[in-house]
C-alpha cells in the first residue's frame, strides 16, 4: 500500500456562523459537500462541465 492521495477540497465560508472550513469532494466525484461546524447547515457545490476556477466559496 502506497501513500494516500490527498482528497480534493474547496474553501467554504459559512456566513450563518462566520466560520471558514474545507469541504471535500464526495466519493462519486459529483459534488463538494460539507456542513457548518457550528449550526450544521449543509453546503453542496456540484461539479459540472465547464466548472469554475474558484477555490473559495461562501454559503448564506
PDB file of N, CA and C in Angstrom:
ATOM      1  N   UNK A   1       0.832  -1.174   0.000  1.00  0.00           N
ATOM      2  CA  UNK A   1       0.000   0.000   0.000  1.00  0.00           C
ATOM      3  C   UNK A   1       0.886   1.250   0.000  1.00  0.00           C
ATOM      4  N   UNK A   2       0.676   2.134  -0.970  1.00  0.00           N
ATOM      5  CA  UNK A   2       1.476   3.348  -1.082  1.00  0.00           C
ATOM      6  C   UNK A   2       0.867   4.511  -0.309  1.00  0.00           C
ATOM      7  N   UNK A   3       1.483   5.668  -0.437  1.00  0.00           N
ATOM      8  CA  UNK A   3       0.954   6.846   0.262  1.00  0.00           C
ATOM      9  C   UNK A   3      -0.420   7.238  -0.283  1.00  0.00           C
ATOM     10  N   UNK A   4      -1.275   7.740   0.606  1.00  0.00           N
ATOM     11  CA  UNK A   4      -2.620   8.145   0.197  1.00  0.00           C
ATOM     12  C   UNK A   4      -2.579   9.470  -0.559  1.00  0.00           C
ATOM     13  N   UNK A   5      -3.443   9.580  -1.582  1.00  0.00           N
ATOM     14  CA  UNK A   5      -3.574  10.833  -2.305  1.00  0.00           C
ATOM     15  C   UNK A   5      -4.442  11.782  -1.499  1.00  0.00           C
ATOM     16  N   UNK A   6      -4.092  13.058  -1.461  1.00  0.00           N
ATOM     17  CA  UNK A   6      -4.942  13.998  -0.735  1.00  0.00           C
ATOM     18  C   UNK A   6      -6.294  14.159  -1.425  1.00  0.00           C
ATOM     19  N   UNK A   7      -7.359  14.280  -0.636  1.00  0.00           N
ATOM     20  CA  UNK A   7      -8.704  14.472  -1.197  1.00  0.00           C
ATOM     21  C   UNK A   7      -8.862  15.907  -1.673  1.00  0.00           C
ATOM     22  N   UNK A   8      -9.443  16.099  -2.851  1.00  0.00           N
ATOM     23  CA  UNK A   8      -9.692  17.456  -3.332  1.00  0.00           C
ATOM     24  C   UNK A   8     -10.695  18.181  -2.425  1.00  0.00           C
ATOM     25  N   UNK A   9     -10.485  19.477  -2.228  1.00  0.00           N
ATOM     26  CA  UNK A   9     -11.380  20.265  -1.392  1.00  0.00           C
ATOM     27  C   UNK A   9     -11.475  21.690  -1.927  1.00  0.00           C
ATOM     28  N   UNK A  10     -12.486  22.401  -1.446  1.00  0.00           N
ATOM     29  CA  UNK A  10     -12.602  23.833  -1.688  1.00  0.00           C
ATOM     30  C   UNK A  10     -12.834  24.509  -0.339  1.00  0.00           C
ATOM     31  N   UNK A  11     -12.544  25.781  -0.261  1.00  0.00           N
ATOM     32  CA  UNK A  11     -12.784  26.542   0.955  1.00  0.00           C
ATOM     33  C   UNK A  11     -14.207  27.079   0.952  1.00  0.00           C
ATOM     34  N   UNK A  12     -14.893  26.956   2.080  1.00  0.00           N
ATOM     35  CA  UNK A  12     -16.265  27.438   2.193  1.00  0.00           C
ATOM     36  C   UNK A  12     -16.385  28.330   3.425  1.00  0.00           C
ATOM     37  N   UNK A  13     -16.919  29.540   3.213  1.00  0.00           N
ATOM     38  CA  UNK A  13     -17.187  30.448   4.323  1.00  0.00           C
ATOM     39  C   UNK A  13     -18.680  30.397   4.608  1.00  0.00           C
ATOM     40  N   UNK A  14     -19.047  29.960   5.802  1.00  0.00           N
ATOM     41  CA  UNK A  14     -20.440  29.907   6.206  1.00  0.00           C
ATOM     42  C   UNK A  14     -20.788  31.241   6.870  1.00  0.00           C
ATOM     43  N   UNK A  15     -21.577  32.061   6.168  1.00  0.00           N
ATOM     44  CA  UNK A  15     -21.956  33.375   6.677  1.00  0.00           C
ATOM     45  C   UNK A  15     -22.849  33.260   7.909  1.00  0.00           C
ATOM     46  N   UNK A  16     -23.593  32.150   8.028  1.00  0.00           N
ATOM     47  CA  UNK A  16     -24.503  31.956   9.156  1.00  0.00           C
ATOM     48  C   UNK A  16     -23.773  32.060  10.494  1.00  0.00           C
ATOM     49  N   UNK A  17     -22.576  31.515  10.571  1.00  0.00           N
ATOM     50  CA  UNK A  17     -21.827  31.480  11.831  1.00  0.00           C
ATOM     51  C   UNK A  17     -20.443  32.115  11.715  1.00  0.00           C
ATOM     52  N   UNK A  18     -20.162  32.748  10.580  1.00  0.00           N
ATOM     53  CA  UNK A  18     -18.877  33.418  10.349  1.00  0.00           C
ATOM     54  C   UNK A  18     -17.694  32.486  10.585  1.00  0.00           C
ATOM     55  N   UNK A  19     -17.730  31.349   9.903  1.00  0.00           N
ATOM     56  CA  UNK A  19     -16.668  30.357  10.062  1.00  0.00           C
ATOM     57  C   UNK A  19     -16.251  29.835   8.685  1.00  0.00           C
ATOM     58  N   UNK A  20     -14.944  29.567   8.540  1.00  0.00           N
ATOM     59  CA  UNK A  20     -14.375  29.059   7.311  1.00  0.00           C
ATOM     60  C   UNK A  20     -13.967  27.610   7.523  1.00  0.00           C
ATOM     61  N   UNK A  21     -14.322  26.726   6.581  1.00  0.00           N
ATOM     62  CA  UNK A  21     -13.924  25.320   6.638  1.00  0.00           C
ATOM     63  C   UNK A  21     -13.611  24.811   5.236  1.00  0.00           C
ATOM     64  N   UNK A  22     -12.998  23.671   5.170  1.00  0.00           N
ATOM     65  CA  UNK A  22     -12.806  22.967   3.900  1.00  0.00           C
ATOM     66  C   UNK A  22     -13.980  22.018   3.703  1.00  0.00           C
ATOM     67  N   UNK A  23     -14.488  21.947   2.467  1.00  0.00           N
ATOM     68  CA  UNK A  23     -15.465  20.906   2.156  1.00  0.00           C
ATOM     69  C   UNK A  23     -14.851  20.044   1.062  1.00  0.00           C
ATOM     70  N   UNK A  24     -15.079  18.759   1.159  1.00  0.00           N
ATOM     71  CA  UNK A  24     -14.375  17.794   0.331  1.00  0.00           C
ATOM     72  C   UNK A  24     -15.245  17.196  -0.763  1.00  0.00           C
ATOM     73  N   UNK A  25     -14.596  16.765  -1.832  1.00  0.00           N
ATOM     74  CA  UNK A  25     -15.271  16.104  -2.942  1.00  0.00           C
ATOM     75  C   UNK A  25     -15.826  14.768  -2.463  1.00  0.00           C
ATOM     76  N   UNK A  26     -17.096  14.490  -2.826  1.00  0.00           N
ATOM     77  CA  UNK A  26     -17.693  13.219  -2.410  1.00  0.00           C
ATOM     78  C   UNK A  26     -17.060  12.056  -3.181  1.00  0.00           C
ATOM     79  N   UNK A  27     -17.313  10.843  -2.748  1.00  0.00           N
ATOM     80  CA  UNK A  27     -16.683   9.661  -3.359  1.00  0.00           C
ATOM     81  C   UNK A  27     -17.064   9.481  -4.817  1.00  0.00           C
ATOM     82  N   UNK A  28     -18.283   9.907  -5.186  1.00  0.00           N
ATOM     83  CA  UNK A  28     -18.735   9.789  -6.576  1.00  0.00           C
ATOM     84  C   UNK A  28     -18.070  10.829  -7.469  1.00  0.00           C
ATOM     85  N   UNK A  29     -17.480  11.860  -6.867  1.00  0.00           N
ATOM     86  CA  UNK A  29     -16.823  12.909  -7.639  1.00  0.00           C
ATOM     87  C   UNK A  29     -17.803  13.877  -8.290  1.00  0.00           C
ATOM     88  N   UNK A  30     -19.029  13.941  -7.773  1.00  0.00           N
ATOM     89  CA  UNK A  30     -20.064  14.767  -8.389  1.00  0.00           C
ATOM     90  C   UNK A  30     -20.290  16.104  -7.689  1.00  0.00           C
ATOM     91  N   UNK A  31     -19.826  16.251  -6.440  1.00  0.00           N
ATOM     92  CA  UNK A  31     -20.066  17.490  -5.698  1.00  0.00           C
ATOM     93  C   UNK A  31     -19.117  17.596  -4.507  1.00  0.00           C
ATOM     94  N   UNK A  32     -18.876  18.830  -4.095  1.00  0.00           N
ATOM     95  CA  UNK A  32     -18.185  19.106  -2.840  1.00  0.00           C
ATOM     96  C   UNK A  32     -19.276  19.276  -1.793  1.00  0.00           C
ATOM     97  N   UNK A  33     -19.169  18.544  -0.693  1.00  0.00           N
ATOM     98  CA  UNK A  33     -20.228  18.535   0.312  1.00  0.00           C
ATOM     99  C   UNK A  33     -19.620  18.742   1.695  1.00  0.00           C
ATOM    100  N   UNK A  34     -20.283  19.587   2.504  1.00  0.00           N
ATOM    101  CA  UNK A  34     -19.819  19.819   3.859  1.00  0.00           C
ATOM    102  C   UNK A  34     -20.902  20.461   4.695  1.00  0.00           C
ATOM    103  N   UNK A  35     -20.594  20.680   5.975  1.00  0.00           N
ATOM    104  CA  UNK A  35     -21.542  21.262   6.925  1.00  0.00           C
ATOM    105  C   UNK A  35     -20.844  22.342   7.743  1.00  0.00           C
ATOM    106  N   UNK A  36     -21.649  23.325   8.169  1.00  0.00           N
ATOM    107  CA  UNK A  36     -21.156  24.331   9.100  1.00  0.00           C
ATOM    108  C   UNK A  36     -20.852  23.624  10.420  1.00  0.00           C
ATOM    109  N   UNK A  37     -19.666  23.832  10.982  1.00  0.00           N
ATOM    110  CA  UNK A  37     -19.325  23.141  12.216  1.00  0.00           C
ATOM    111  C   UNK A  37     -20.086  23.645  13.448  1.00  0.00           C
ATOM    112  N   UNK A  38     -20.728  24.808  13.335  1.00  0.00           N
ATOM    113  CA  UNK A  38     -21.460  25.351  14.484  1.00  0.00           C
ATOM    114  C   UNK A  38     -22.951  25.030  14.445  1.00  0.00           C
ATOM    115  N   UNK A  39     -23.598  25.225  13.279  1.00  0.00           N
ATOM    116  CA  UNK A  39     -25.055  25.028  13.223  1.00  0.00           C
ATOM    117  C   UNK A  39     -25.466  23.856  12.328  1.00  0.00           C
ATOM    118  N   UNK A  40     -24.511  23.202  11.692  1.00  0.00           N
ATOM    119  CA  UNK A  40     -24.733  22.014  10.863  1.00  0.00           C
ATOM    120  C   UNK A  40     -25.465  22.295   9.549  1.00  0.00           C
ATOM    121  N   UNK A  41     -25.531  23.552   9.113  1.00  0.00           N
ATOM    122  CA  UNK A  41     -26.139  23.869   7.821  1.00  0.00           C
ATOM    123  C   UNK A  41     -25.313  23.196   6.722  1.00  0.00           C
ATOM    124  N   UNK A  42     -25.993  22.542   5.795  1.00  0.00           N
ATOM    125  CA  UNK A  42     -25.332  21.783   4.740  1.00  0.00           C
ATOM    126  C   UNK A  42     -25.022  22.686   3.540  1.00  0.00           C
ATOM    127  N   UNK A  43     -23.868  22.443   2.924  1.00  0.00           N
ATOM    128  CA  UNK A  43     -23.494  23.135   1.696  1.00  0.00           C
ATOM    129  C   UNK A  43     -23.075  22.104   0.665  1.00  0.00           C
ATOM    130  N   UNK A  44     -23.569  22.273  -0.564  1.00  0.00           N
ATOM    131  CA  UNK A  44     -23.222  21.384  -1.663  1.00  0.00           C
ATOM    132  C   UNK A  44     -22.865  22.241  -2.870  1.00  0.00           C
ATOM    133  N   UNK A  45     -21.709  21.976  -3.461  1.00  0.00           N
ATOM    134  CA  UNK A  45     -21.278  22.659  -4.682  1.00  0.00           C
ATOM    135  C   UNK A  45     -21.082  21.568  -5.725  1.00  0.00           C
ATOM    136  N   UNK A  46     -21.997  21.529  -6.700  1.00  0.00           N
ATOM    137  CA  UNK A  46     -21.942  20.476  -7.716  1.00  0.00           C
ATOM    138  C   UNK A  46     -20.783  20.700  -8.694  1.00  0.00           C
ATOM    139  N   UNK A  47     -20.239  19.601  -9.184  1.00  0.00           N
ATOM    140  CA  UNK A  47     -19.197  19.615 -10.195  1.00  0.00           C
ATOM    141  C   UNK A  47     -19.875  19.394 -11.539  1.00  0.00           C
ATOM    142  N   UNK A  48     -19.563  20.232 -12.504  1.00  0.00           N
ATOM    143  CA  UNK A  48     -20.221  20.097 -13.796  1.00  0.00           C
ATOM    144  C   UNK A  48     -19.292  20.457 -14.937  1.00  0.00           C
ATOM    145  N   UNK A  49     -19.765  20.258 -16.156  1.00  0.00           N
ATOM    146  CA  UNK A  49     -18.958  20.603 -17.321  1.00  0.00           C
ATOM    147  C   UNK A  49     -18.671  22.104 -17.337  1.00  0.00           C
ATOM    148  N   UNK A  50     -17.472  22.451 -17.706  1.00  0.00           N
ATOM    149  CA  UNK A  50     -17.080  23.855 -17.710  1.00  0.00           C
ATOM    150  C   UNK A  50     -16.507  24.285 -16.376  1.00  0.00           C
ATOM    151  N   UNK A  51     -17.175  23.926 -15.296  1.00  0.00           N
ATOM    152  CA  UNK A  51     -16.686  24.158 -13.946  1.00  0.00           C
ATOM    153  C   UNK A  51     -16.351  25.605 -13.626  1.00  0.00           C
ATOM    154  N   UNK A  52     -15.551  25.764 -12.597  1.00  0.00           N
ATOM    155  CA  UNK A  52     -15.114  27.076 -12.129  1.00  0.00           C
ATOM    156  C   UNK A  52     -13.687  26.954 -11.618  1.00  0.00           C
ATOM    157  N   UNK A  53     -12.931  28.017 -11.755  1.00  0.00           N
ATOM    158  CA  UNK A  53     -11.563  28.037 -11.237  1.00  0.00           C
ATOM    159  C   UNK A  53     -11.511  28.486  -9.787  1.00  0.00           C
ATOM    160  N   UNK A  54     -12.665  28.894  -9.230  1.00  0.00           N
ATOM    161  CA  UNK A  54     -12.713  29.414  -7.871  1.00  0.00           C
ATOM    162  C   UNK A  54     -12.452  28.296  -6.859  1.00  0.00           C
ATOM    163  N   UNK A  55     -11.593  28.586  -5.883  1.00  0.00           N
ATOM    164  CA  UNK A  55     -11.282  27.623  -4.827  1.00  0.00           C
ATOM    165  C   UNK A  55     -11.946  28.011  -3.513  1.00  0.00           C
ATOM    166  N   UNK A  56     -12.574  29.209  -3.464  1.00  0.00           N
ATOM    167  CA  UNK A  56     -13.206  29.704  -2.253  1.00  0.00           C
ATOM    168  C   UNK A  56     -14.637  30.109  -2.562  1.00  0.00           C
ATOM    169  N   UNK A  57     -15.563  29.690  -1.700  1.00  0.00           N
ATOM    170  CA  UNK A  57     -16.990  29.926  -1.881  1.00  0.00           C
ATOM    171  C   UNK A  57     -17.568  30.409  -0.568  1.00  0.00           C
ATOM    172  N   UNK A  58     -18.799  30.942  -0.627  1.00  0.00           N
ATOM    173  CA  UNK A  58     -19.485  31.315   0.610  1.00  0.00           C
ATOM    174  C   UNK A  58     -20.925  30.815   0.547  1.00  0.00           C
ATOM    175  N   UNK A  59     -21.452  30.475   1.713  1.00  0.00           N
ATOM    176  CA  UNK A  59     -22.827  29.980   1.828  1.00  0.00           C
ATOM    177  C   UNK A  59     -23.602  30.935   2.715  1.00  0.00           C
ATOM    178  N   UNK A  60     -24.818  31.253   2.319  1.00  0.00           N
ATOM    179  CA  UNK A  60     -25.681  32.161   3.091  1.00  0.00           C
ATOM    180  C   UNK A  60     -26.156  31.503   4.350  1.00  0.00           C
TER     181      UNK A  60
END
